[in-house]
N, C-alpha and C. Protein backbone atom coordinates (compact mmCIF):
# COMPACT_ATOMS: atom_id res chain seq x y z
N MET A 1 0.85 -1.18 0.00
CA MET A 1 0.00 0.00 0.00
C MET A 1 0.89 1.24 0.00
N LYS A 2 0.58 2.18 -0.83
CA LYS A 2 1.38 3.40 -0.92
C LYS A 2 1.14 4.27 0.30
N GLU A 3 2.15 5.10 0.63
CA GLU A 3 2.08 5.95 1.82
C GLU A 3 0.88 6.89 1.78
N LYS A 4 0.55 7.41 0.60
CA LYS A 4 -0.58 8.33 0.48
C LYS A 4 -1.89 7.62 0.83
N ASP A 5 -2.06 6.40 0.31
CA ASP A 5 -3.25 5.62 0.64
C ASP A 5 -3.27 5.27 2.12
N PHE A 6 -2.10 4.94 2.64
CA PHE A 6 -2.02 4.60 4.06
C PHE A 6 -2.35 5.82 4.92
N ALA A 7 -1.93 7.00 4.50
CA ALA A 7 -2.24 8.22 5.24
C ALA A 7 -3.75 8.41 5.33
N LYS A 8 -4.45 8.19 4.23
CA LYS A 8 -5.92 8.31 4.25
C LYS A 8 -6.52 7.28 5.19
N ARG A 9 -5.96 6.09 5.15
CA ARG A 9 -6.46 5.02 6.03
C ARG A 9 -6.24 5.36 7.50
N ILE A 10 -5.06 5.89 7.83
CA ILE A 10 -4.79 6.28 9.22
C ILE A 10 -5.73 7.40 9.65
N GLU A 11 -5.90 8.40 8.80
CA GLU A 11 -6.80 9.51 9.14
C GLU A 11 -8.21 9.00 9.38
N TYR A 12 -8.68 8.11 8.53
CA TYR A 12 -10.01 7.52 8.71
C TYR A 12 -10.06 6.75 10.03
N PHE A 13 -9.05 5.95 10.25
CA PHE A 13 -8.99 5.16 11.48
C PHE A 13 -9.04 6.05 12.72
N LEU A 14 -8.23 7.10 12.73
CA LEU A 14 -8.15 7.97 13.91
C LEU A 14 -9.44 8.73 14.18
N THR A 15 -10.28 8.88 13.17
CA THR A 15 -11.54 9.58 13.38
C THR A 15 -12.71 8.64 13.65
N THR A 16 -12.55 7.35 13.37
CA THR A 16 -13.70 6.45 13.51
C THR A 16 -13.47 5.22 14.37
N HIS A 17 -12.29 4.63 14.34
CA HIS A 17 -12.06 3.33 15.00
C HIS A 17 -11.06 3.48 16.14
N ARG A 18 -11.52 3.91 17.27
CA ARG A 18 -10.57 4.16 18.35
C ARG A 18 -10.71 3.15 19.49
N THR A 19 -10.90 1.90 19.16
CA THR A 19 -10.93 0.88 20.19
C THR A 19 -9.51 0.37 20.42
N LYS A 20 -9.29 -0.22 21.56
CA LYS A 20 -7.96 -0.76 21.87
C LYS A 20 -7.55 -1.81 20.83
N GLN A 21 -8.49 -2.67 20.47
CA GLN A 21 -8.18 -3.72 19.49
C GLN A 21 -7.76 -3.11 18.15
N LYS A 22 -8.49 -2.12 17.68
CA LYS A 22 -8.15 -1.50 16.40
C LYS A 22 -6.82 -0.75 16.48
N CYS A 23 -6.57 -0.09 17.62
CA CYS A 23 -5.28 0.59 17.81
C CYS A 23 -4.14 -0.41 17.77
N ASP A 24 -4.34 -1.55 18.43
CA ASP A 24 -3.31 -2.60 18.42
C ASP A 24 -3.05 -3.12 17.01
N GLU A 25 -4.13 -3.31 16.24
CA GLU A 25 -3.98 -3.79 14.87
C GLU A 25 -3.18 -2.79 14.03
N LEU A 26 -3.52 -1.51 14.16
CA LEU A 26 -2.80 -0.49 13.40
C LEU A 26 -1.35 -0.38 13.86
N ALA A 27 -1.13 -0.46 15.18
CA ALA A 27 0.24 -0.39 15.71
C ALA A 27 1.08 -1.55 15.17
N ALA A 28 0.48 -2.72 15.08
CA ALA A 28 1.21 -3.88 14.55
C ALA A 28 1.60 -3.65 13.09
N GLU A 29 0.69 -3.09 12.32
CA GLU A 29 0.99 -2.81 10.91
C GLU A 29 2.05 -1.72 10.77
N VAL A 30 1.91 -0.66 11.55
CA VAL A 30 2.86 0.46 11.48
C VAL A 30 4.25 0.01 11.92
N SER A 31 4.32 -0.87 12.90
CA SER A 31 5.62 -1.30 13.43
C SER A 31 6.45 -2.06 12.40
N LYS A 32 5.80 -2.60 11.39
CA LYS A 32 6.50 -3.39 10.38
C LYS A 32 6.98 -2.57 9.19
N ASN A 33 6.60 -1.30 9.13
CA ASN A 33 6.90 -0.50 7.95
C ASN A 33 7.29 0.91 8.37
N GLU A 34 8.55 1.24 8.23
CA GLU A 34 9.06 2.54 8.66
C GLU A 34 8.36 3.70 7.93
N ALA A 35 8.05 3.51 6.66
CA ALA A 35 7.36 4.56 5.90
C ALA A 35 5.98 4.83 6.50
N TYR A 36 5.30 3.79 6.97
CA TYR A 36 3.99 3.97 7.61
C TYR A 36 4.15 4.72 8.93
N PHE A 37 5.23 4.40 9.65
CA PHE A 37 5.48 5.11 10.92
C PHE A 37 5.69 6.60 10.64
N GLU A 38 6.44 6.92 9.60
CA GLU A 38 6.65 8.32 9.23
C GLU A 38 5.33 9.02 8.90
N VAL A 39 4.46 8.32 8.19
CA VAL A 39 3.14 8.88 7.85
C VAL A 39 2.36 9.15 9.13
N LEU A 40 2.37 8.19 10.04
CA LEU A 40 1.66 8.36 11.32
C LEU A 40 2.21 9.56 12.09
N ILE A 41 3.52 9.69 12.15
CA ILE A 41 4.15 10.81 12.87
C ILE A 41 3.76 12.14 12.22
N ASP A 42 3.75 12.19 10.91
CA ASP A 42 3.36 13.42 10.21
C ASP A 42 1.91 13.80 10.53
N ILE A 43 1.02 12.83 10.52
CA ILE A 43 -0.38 13.10 10.86
C ILE A 43 -0.48 13.57 12.31
N TRP A 44 0.24 12.91 13.19
CA TRP A 44 0.25 13.28 14.61
C TRP A 44 0.71 14.73 14.78
N LYS A 45 1.81 15.07 14.13
CA LYS A 45 2.38 16.42 14.29
C LYS A 45 1.45 17.51 13.77
N ARG A 46 0.69 17.20 12.74
CA ARG A 46 -0.27 18.20 12.25
C ARG A 46 -1.31 18.49 13.32
N GLY A 47 -1.64 17.48 14.13
CA GLY A 47 -2.47 17.67 15.31
C GLY A 47 -3.94 17.94 15.08
N ASN A 48 -4.41 17.83 13.86
CA ASN A 48 -5.82 18.12 13.64
C ASN A 48 -6.71 16.87 13.67
N ILE A 49 -6.11 15.70 13.80
CA ILE A 49 -6.90 14.47 13.88
C ILE A 49 -6.48 13.69 15.11
N HIS A 50 -7.17 13.87 16.20
CA HIS A 50 -6.98 13.11 17.44
C HIS A 50 -5.52 12.76 17.74
N PRO A 51 -4.72 13.75 18.10
CA PRO A 51 -3.29 13.48 18.34
C PRO A 51 -3.04 12.48 19.47
N ASN A 52 -3.93 12.40 20.46
CA ASN A 52 -3.73 11.41 21.53
C ASN A 52 -3.73 9.99 20.97
N TYR A 53 -4.67 9.71 20.07
CA TYR A 53 -4.74 8.37 19.49
C TYR A 53 -3.54 8.10 18.59
N ALA A 54 -3.14 9.09 17.83
CA ALA A 54 -1.96 8.93 16.98
C ALA A 54 -0.73 8.63 17.85
N ALA A 55 -0.60 9.34 18.96
CA ALA A 55 0.52 9.12 19.88
C ALA A 55 0.46 7.71 20.46
N TRP A 56 -0.73 7.27 20.82
CA TRP A 56 -0.90 5.94 21.40
C TRP A 56 -0.48 4.87 20.39
N VAL A 57 -0.92 5.01 19.15
CA VAL A 57 -0.56 4.03 18.11
C VAL A 57 0.95 4.04 17.89
N ALA A 58 1.55 5.23 17.83
CA ALA A 58 3.00 5.33 17.65
C ALA A 58 3.74 4.65 18.79
N SER A 59 3.28 4.89 20.01
CA SER A 59 3.91 4.29 21.18
C SER A 59 3.86 2.77 21.12
N HIS A 60 2.71 2.24 20.77
CA HIS A 60 2.58 0.78 20.71
C HIS A 60 3.33 0.18 19.51
N ALA A 61 3.48 0.95 18.46
CA ALA A 61 4.31 0.48 17.34
C ALA A 61 5.77 0.38 17.78
N VAL A 62 6.23 1.37 18.54
CA VAL A 62 7.61 1.37 19.05
C VAL A 62 7.82 0.20 20.01
N MET A 63 6.82 -0.13 20.82
CA MET A 63 6.96 -1.27 21.73
C MET A 63 7.15 -2.57 20.96
N ARG A 64 6.64 -2.62 19.75
CA ARG A 64 6.80 -3.81 18.91
C ARG A 64 8.09 -3.77 18.09
N ASN A 65 8.60 -2.55 17.85
CA ASN A 65 9.80 -2.39 17.02
C ASN A 65 10.61 -1.22 17.57
N GLU A 66 11.52 -1.52 18.48
CA GLU A 66 12.31 -0.48 19.15
C GLU A 66 13.19 0.31 18.19
N GLU A 67 13.51 -0.27 17.04
CA GLU A 67 14.34 0.44 16.05
C GLU A 67 13.68 1.74 15.61
N LEU A 68 12.36 1.79 15.63
CA LEU A 68 11.67 3.02 15.25
C LEU A 68 12.02 4.17 16.19
N PHE A 69 12.11 3.86 17.48
CA PHE A 69 12.45 4.92 18.45
C PHE A 69 13.91 5.32 18.31
N LYS A 70 14.77 4.36 18.03
CA LYS A 70 16.18 4.71 17.84
C LYS A 70 16.34 5.73 16.72
N LYS A 71 15.52 5.58 15.69
CA LYS A 71 15.62 6.49 14.54
C LYS A 71 14.83 7.79 14.75
N TYR A 72 13.66 7.72 15.37
CA TYR A 72 12.76 8.88 15.44
C TYR A 72 12.63 9.48 16.84
N GLY A 73 13.27 8.88 17.83
CA GLY A 73 13.12 9.35 19.21
C GLY A 73 13.50 10.80 19.41
N GLU A 74 14.63 11.21 18.86
CA GLU A 74 15.06 12.60 19.04
C GLU A 74 14.05 13.56 18.41
N GLN A 75 13.57 13.21 17.24
CA GLN A 75 12.56 14.02 16.56
C GLN A 75 11.30 14.14 17.43
N LEU A 76 10.91 13.05 18.07
CA LEU A 76 9.73 13.07 18.94
C LEU A 76 9.97 13.96 20.17
N PHE A 77 11.17 13.88 20.75
CA PHE A 77 11.45 14.74 21.91
C PHE A 77 11.48 16.21 21.50
N ASP A 78 11.95 16.50 20.30
CA ASP A 78 11.92 17.88 19.81
C ASP A 78 10.48 18.37 19.63
N PHE A 79 9.56 17.44 19.44
CA PHE A 79 8.15 17.78 19.22
C PHE A 79 7.40 18.07 20.53
N ILE A 80 7.92 17.65 21.66
CA ILE A 80 7.21 17.79 22.94
C ILE A 80 6.68 19.20 23.20
N PRO A 81 7.44 20.26 22.97
CA PRO A 81 6.88 21.60 23.23
C PRO A 81 5.65 21.92 22.38
N HIS A 82 5.44 21.18 21.31
CA HIS A 82 4.32 21.44 20.41
C HIS A 82 3.14 20.50 20.66
N CYS A 83 3.28 19.58 21.61
CA CYS A 83 2.18 18.67 21.92
C CYS A 83 0.98 19.46 22.43
N LYS A 84 -0.19 19.07 21.97
CA LYS A 84 -1.41 19.76 22.38
C LYS A 84 -1.99 19.19 23.67
N THR A 85 -1.63 17.96 23.99
CA THR A 85 -2.18 17.32 25.18
C THR A 85 -1.07 16.64 25.98
N SER A 86 -1.35 16.43 27.26
CA SER A 86 -0.38 15.72 28.09
C SER A 86 -0.27 14.26 27.67
N GLY A 87 -1.32 13.72 27.06
CA GLY A 87 -1.29 12.34 26.60
C GLY A 87 -0.23 12.11 25.54
N GLU A 88 -0.01 13.10 24.71
CA GLU A 88 1.02 12.97 23.68
C GLU A 88 2.41 12.91 24.32
N GLU A 89 2.65 13.80 25.26
CA GLU A 89 3.95 13.80 25.94
C GLU A 89 4.14 12.51 26.73
N ARG A 90 3.08 12.05 27.36
CA ARG A 90 3.15 10.79 28.12
C ARG A 90 3.60 9.65 27.21
N GLU A 91 3.03 9.57 26.02
CA GLU A 91 3.38 8.47 25.10
C GLU A 91 4.83 8.57 24.64
N ILE A 92 5.33 9.79 24.43
CA ILE A 92 6.74 9.95 24.05
C ILE A 92 7.63 9.47 25.19
N LEU A 93 7.28 9.83 26.42
CA LEU A 93 8.06 9.37 27.58
C LEU A 93 7.97 7.86 27.73
N ARG A 94 6.80 7.30 27.46
CA ARG A 94 6.64 5.84 27.52
C ARG A 94 7.56 5.16 26.51
N MET A 95 7.62 5.72 25.30
CA MET A 95 8.52 5.15 24.29
C MET A 95 9.96 5.18 24.78
N ALA A 96 10.36 6.30 25.38
CA ALA A 96 11.73 6.44 25.89
C ALA A 96 12.00 5.43 27.00
N LYS A 97 11.02 5.25 27.86
CA LYS A 97 11.17 4.32 28.99
C LYS A 97 11.36 2.89 28.48
N GLU A 98 10.68 2.55 27.42
CA GLU A 98 10.70 1.18 26.91
C GLU A 98 11.82 0.93 25.91
N SER A 99 12.58 1.97 25.56
CA SER A 99 13.57 1.84 24.49
C SER A 99 14.96 2.27 24.95
N GLU A 100 15.91 1.95 24.13
CA GLU A 100 17.28 2.43 24.34
C GLU A 100 17.35 3.87 23.84
N ILE A 101 17.98 4.73 24.62
CA ILE A 101 18.10 6.14 24.26
C ILE A 101 19.53 6.39 23.79
N SER A 102 19.66 6.96 22.62
CA SER A 102 20.98 7.25 22.06
C SER A 102 21.73 8.25 22.93
N GLU A 103 23.02 8.00 23.13
CA GLU A 103 23.84 8.93 23.92
C GLU A 103 23.86 10.32 23.31
N GLU A 104 23.71 10.41 21.99
CA GLU A 104 23.78 11.71 21.32
C GLU A 104 22.69 12.67 21.75
N TRP A 105 21.53 12.15 22.14
CA TRP A 105 20.44 13.05 22.52
C TRP A 105 19.80 12.71 23.86
N GLU A 106 20.48 11.88 24.65
CA GLU A 106 19.90 11.57 25.95
C GLU A 106 19.88 12.79 26.87
N GLY A 107 20.71 13.79 26.60
CA GLY A 107 20.66 15.04 27.37
C GLY A 107 19.31 15.72 27.23
N LYS A 108 18.71 15.64 26.04
CA LYS A 108 17.37 16.20 25.84
C LYS A 108 16.35 15.49 26.71
N VAL A 109 16.49 14.18 26.79
CA VAL A 109 15.56 13.40 27.60
C VAL A 109 15.73 13.76 29.07
N LEU A 110 16.97 13.82 29.52
CA LEU A 110 17.26 14.18 30.91
C LEU A 110 16.71 15.57 31.23
N ASP A 111 16.98 16.54 30.37
CA ASP A 111 16.48 17.90 30.59
C ASP A 111 14.96 17.94 30.64
N ASN A 112 14.33 17.19 29.73
CA ASN A 112 12.87 17.15 29.72
C ASN A 112 12.32 16.57 31.01
N CYS A 113 12.92 15.47 31.47
CA CYS A 113 12.45 14.82 32.70
C CYS A 113 12.63 15.74 33.91
N LEU A 114 13.78 16.40 33.99
CA LEU A 114 14.00 17.33 35.11
C LEU A 114 13.02 18.49 35.06
N SER A 115 12.76 18.99 33.88
CA SER A 115 11.78 20.06 33.71
C SER A 115 10.39 19.60 34.15
N ASN A 116 10.04 18.38 33.81
CA ASN A 116 8.75 17.83 34.23
C ASN A 116 8.66 17.73 35.74
N ILE A 117 9.75 17.28 36.37
CA ILE A 117 9.77 17.13 37.82
C ILE A 117 9.64 18.48 38.51
N GLU A 118 10.19 19.51 37.90
CA GLU A 118 10.12 20.84 38.50
C GLU A 118 8.78 21.53 38.24
N ASN A 119 7.91 20.89 37.49
CA ASN A 119 6.60 21.47 37.18
C ASN A 119 5.50 20.60 37.78
N PRO A 120 5.01 20.94 38.97
CA PRO A 120 3.99 20.11 39.61
C PRO A 120 2.66 20.09 38.86
N ALA A 121 2.45 20.99 37.93
CA ALA A 121 1.20 21.03 37.17
C ALA A 121 1.14 19.95 36.09
N LYS A 122 2.26 19.31 35.81
CA LYS A 122 2.27 18.25 34.80
C LYS A 122 1.40 17.08 35.28
N ALA A 123 0.91 16.31 34.34
CA ALA A 123 0.06 15.15 34.64
C ALA A 123 0.85 14.11 35.45
N ILE A 124 0.13 13.37 36.26
CA ILE A 124 0.74 12.34 37.10
C ILE A 124 1.52 11.33 36.26
N ALA A 125 0.97 10.92 35.13
CA ALA A 125 1.66 9.94 34.28
C ALA A 125 2.98 10.50 33.75
N ILE A 126 3.02 11.78 33.47
CA ILE A 126 4.27 12.40 33.01
C ILE A 126 5.29 12.41 34.13
N HIS A 127 4.86 12.72 35.35
CA HIS A 127 5.78 12.65 36.49
C HIS A 127 6.27 11.21 36.68
N ASN A 128 5.37 10.27 36.57
CA ASN A 128 5.71 8.86 36.76
C ASN A 128 6.78 8.41 35.77
N TYR A 129 6.56 8.63 34.48
CA TYR A 129 7.54 8.21 33.48
C TYR A 129 8.85 8.99 33.63
N SER A 130 8.75 10.27 33.99
CA SER A 130 9.96 11.07 34.19
C SER A 130 10.79 10.50 35.33
N LEU A 131 10.14 10.11 36.42
CA LEU A 131 10.86 9.52 37.55
C LEU A 131 11.54 8.21 37.15
N GLU A 132 10.83 7.40 36.38
CA GLU A 132 11.42 6.13 35.95
C GLU A 132 12.63 6.35 35.04
N LEU A 133 12.53 7.33 34.16
CA LEU A 133 13.68 7.64 33.30
C LEU A 133 14.83 8.23 34.11
N LEU A 134 14.51 9.10 35.08
CA LEU A 134 15.57 9.67 35.92
C LEU A 134 16.27 8.58 36.72
N ASP A 135 15.53 7.60 37.18
CA ASP A 135 16.14 6.48 37.90
C ASP A 135 17.14 5.76 36.98
N ARG A 136 16.77 5.59 35.75
CA ARG A 136 17.67 4.95 34.78
C ARG A 136 18.92 5.80 34.57
N PHE A 137 18.76 7.13 34.48
CA PHE A 137 19.92 8.01 34.32
C PHE A 137 20.83 7.95 35.55
N MET A 138 20.23 7.86 36.75
CA MET A 138 21.05 7.81 37.97
C MET A 138 21.87 6.52 38.02
N LYS A 139 21.32 5.44 37.52
CA LYS A 139 22.08 4.19 37.47
C LYS A 139 23.25 4.31 36.50
N ARG A 140 23.00 4.93 35.37
CA ARG A 140 24.02 5.05 34.33
C ARG A 140 25.07 6.10 34.68
N TYR A 141 24.63 7.21 35.25
CA TYR A 141 25.52 8.33 35.57
C TYR A 141 25.44 8.62 37.06
N THR A 142 26.13 7.83 37.84
CA THR A 142 26.04 7.95 39.29
C THR A 142 26.47 9.32 39.79
N GLU A 143 27.31 10.01 39.03
CA GLU A 143 27.75 11.35 39.44
C GLU A 143 26.60 12.36 39.42
N LEU A 144 25.51 12.05 38.73
CA LEU A 144 24.35 12.95 38.68
C LEU A 144 23.32 12.65 39.76
N GLU A 145 23.49 11.53 40.45
CA GLU A 145 22.47 11.07 41.38
C GLU A 145 22.11 12.11 42.44
N ASN A 146 23.09 12.69 43.12
CA ASN A 146 22.78 13.64 44.19
C ASN A 146 22.02 14.85 43.67
N GLU A 147 22.44 15.36 42.53
CA GLU A 147 21.76 16.53 41.96
C GLU A 147 20.31 16.21 41.57
N ILE A 148 20.12 15.06 40.94
CA ILE A 148 18.76 14.66 40.54
C ILE A 148 17.89 14.44 41.76
N LEU A 149 18.42 13.74 42.77
CA LEU A 149 17.64 13.49 43.98
C LEU A 149 17.29 14.79 44.70
N GLU A 150 18.18 15.76 44.67
CA GLU A 150 17.91 17.06 45.29
C GLU A 150 16.74 17.76 44.59
N ILE A 151 16.74 17.74 43.28
CA ILE A 151 15.65 18.37 42.52
C ILE A 151 14.32 17.67 42.81
N ILE A 152 14.35 16.36 42.84
CA ILE A 152 13.13 15.60 43.15
C ILE A 152 12.65 15.91 44.56
N SER A 153 13.57 15.89 45.51
CA SER A 153 13.23 16.14 46.91
C SER A 153 12.64 17.54 47.11
N ARG A 154 13.23 18.50 46.47
CA ARG A 154 12.77 19.89 46.60
C ARG A 154 11.33 20.07 46.10
N ASN A 155 10.95 19.29 45.12
CA ASN A 155 9.62 19.43 44.52
C ASN A 155 8.59 18.44 45.06
N LYS A 156 9.02 17.48 45.86
CA LYS A 156 8.14 16.43 46.35
C LYS A 156 6.87 16.94 47.02
N PRO A 157 6.91 17.97 47.88
CA PRO A 157 5.68 18.39 48.55
C PRO A 157 4.57 18.88 47.61
N HIS A 158 4.91 19.18 46.39
CA HIS A 158 3.94 19.73 45.45
C HIS A 158 3.23 18.67 44.61
N TYR A 159 3.61 17.41 44.79
CA TYR A 159 3.06 16.34 43.96
C TYR A 159 1.84 15.70 44.59
N ALA A 160 1.11 14.97 43.74
CA ALA A 160 0.01 14.14 44.21
C ALA A 160 0.59 13.04 45.11
N VAL A 161 -0.24 12.51 45.97
CA VAL A 161 0.19 11.49 46.94
C VAL A 161 0.80 10.28 46.23
N THR A 162 0.22 9.88 45.12
CA THR A 162 0.76 8.70 44.42
C THR A 162 2.19 8.93 43.95
N ILE A 163 2.49 10.12 43.49
CA ILE A 163 3.86 10.42 43.05
C ILE A 163 4.78 10.56 44.26
N GLN A 164 4.28 11.10 45.36
CA GLN A 164 5.10 11.18 46.58
C GLN A 164 5.50 9.79 47.04
N ARG A 165 4.58 8.84 46.95
CA ARG A 165 4.91 7.45 47.33
C ARG A 165 5.96 6.86 46.39
N LYS A 166 5.81 7.15 45.12
CA LYS A 166 6.79 6.65 44.15
C LYS A 166 8.17 7.24 44.45
N ILE A 167 8.20 8.51 44.82
CA ILE A 167 9.47 9.16 45.18
C ILE A 167 10.07 8.50 46.41
N ASP A 168 9.25 8.21 47.41
CA ASP A 168 9.75 7.52 48.61
C ASP A 168 10.38 6.18 48.23
N LYS A 169 9.71 5.43 47.36
CA LYS A 169 10.25 4.14 46.91
C LYS A 169 11.56 4.34 46.15
N LEU A 170 11.60 5.36 45.31
CA LEU A 170 12.82 5.66 44.54
C LEU A 170 13.97 5.99 45.49
N PHE A 171 13.71 6.83 46.48
CA PHE A 171 14.76 7.20 47.44
C PHE A 171 15.23 5.97 48.22
N HIS A 172 14.30 5.13 48.61
CA HIS A 172 14.67 3.91 49.34
C HIS A 172 15.52 3.01 48.44
N LYS A 173 15.10 2.86 47.21
CA LYS A 173 15.83 2.03 46.25
C LYS A 173 17.23 2.58 46.01
N ARG A 174 17.35 3.89 45.83
CA ARG A 174 18.65 4.51 45.57
C ARG A 174 19.56 4.39 46.80
N SER A 175 18.98 4.55 48.01
CA SER A 175 19.82 4.44 49.21
C SER A 175 20.26 2.99 49.42
N SER A 176 19.41 2.03 49.07
CA SER A 176 19.79 0.62 49.16
C SER A 176 20.86 0.28 48.14
N ALA A 177 20.77 0.88 46.96
CA ALA A 177 21.74 0.61 45.90
C ALA A 177 23.12 1.15 46.23
N SER A 178 23.16 2.24 47.00
CA SER A 178 24.46 2.85 47.30
C SER A 178 25.17 2.18 48.47
N LYS A 179 24.50 1.25 49.13
CA LYS A 179 25.13 0.56 50.27
C LYS A 179 26.01 -0.57 49.81
């Protein structure tokens, strides 16, 4: 199927068939064809056809084919400031959490996660994925651990109770790891 025809099919799908089963079917198809993934990303970025669903399909395609995130992850992180909904950003963070992040642009991911942590108005899911990614960075770059934990600690009182509990678990885990 040509990309143009597939674009019409995705647009139709995003406006009419938004069940989990249909999203999974489309994600499976997109994960097998990089050109289809590009079409999906282009439709998502235009933002006029249910960007949350487009983000969800992209995220699930990446879970099936991590190579897509290796190639398009940086582009997706560059798109975060233009996301219209928190659901879109959440899906980008989910892709990062489930994938290998290239050293060339992992600084963008780290900066984004720290920015999310410093903004208590962000959605709980965004805080959750940001904390999980920060934990991964602390394991990889132990010299950053104290600074990251300080930022998290300073902002902890402003979070929802569920995120405060996650932070407590993270602190306990990090203190156990350093022993």
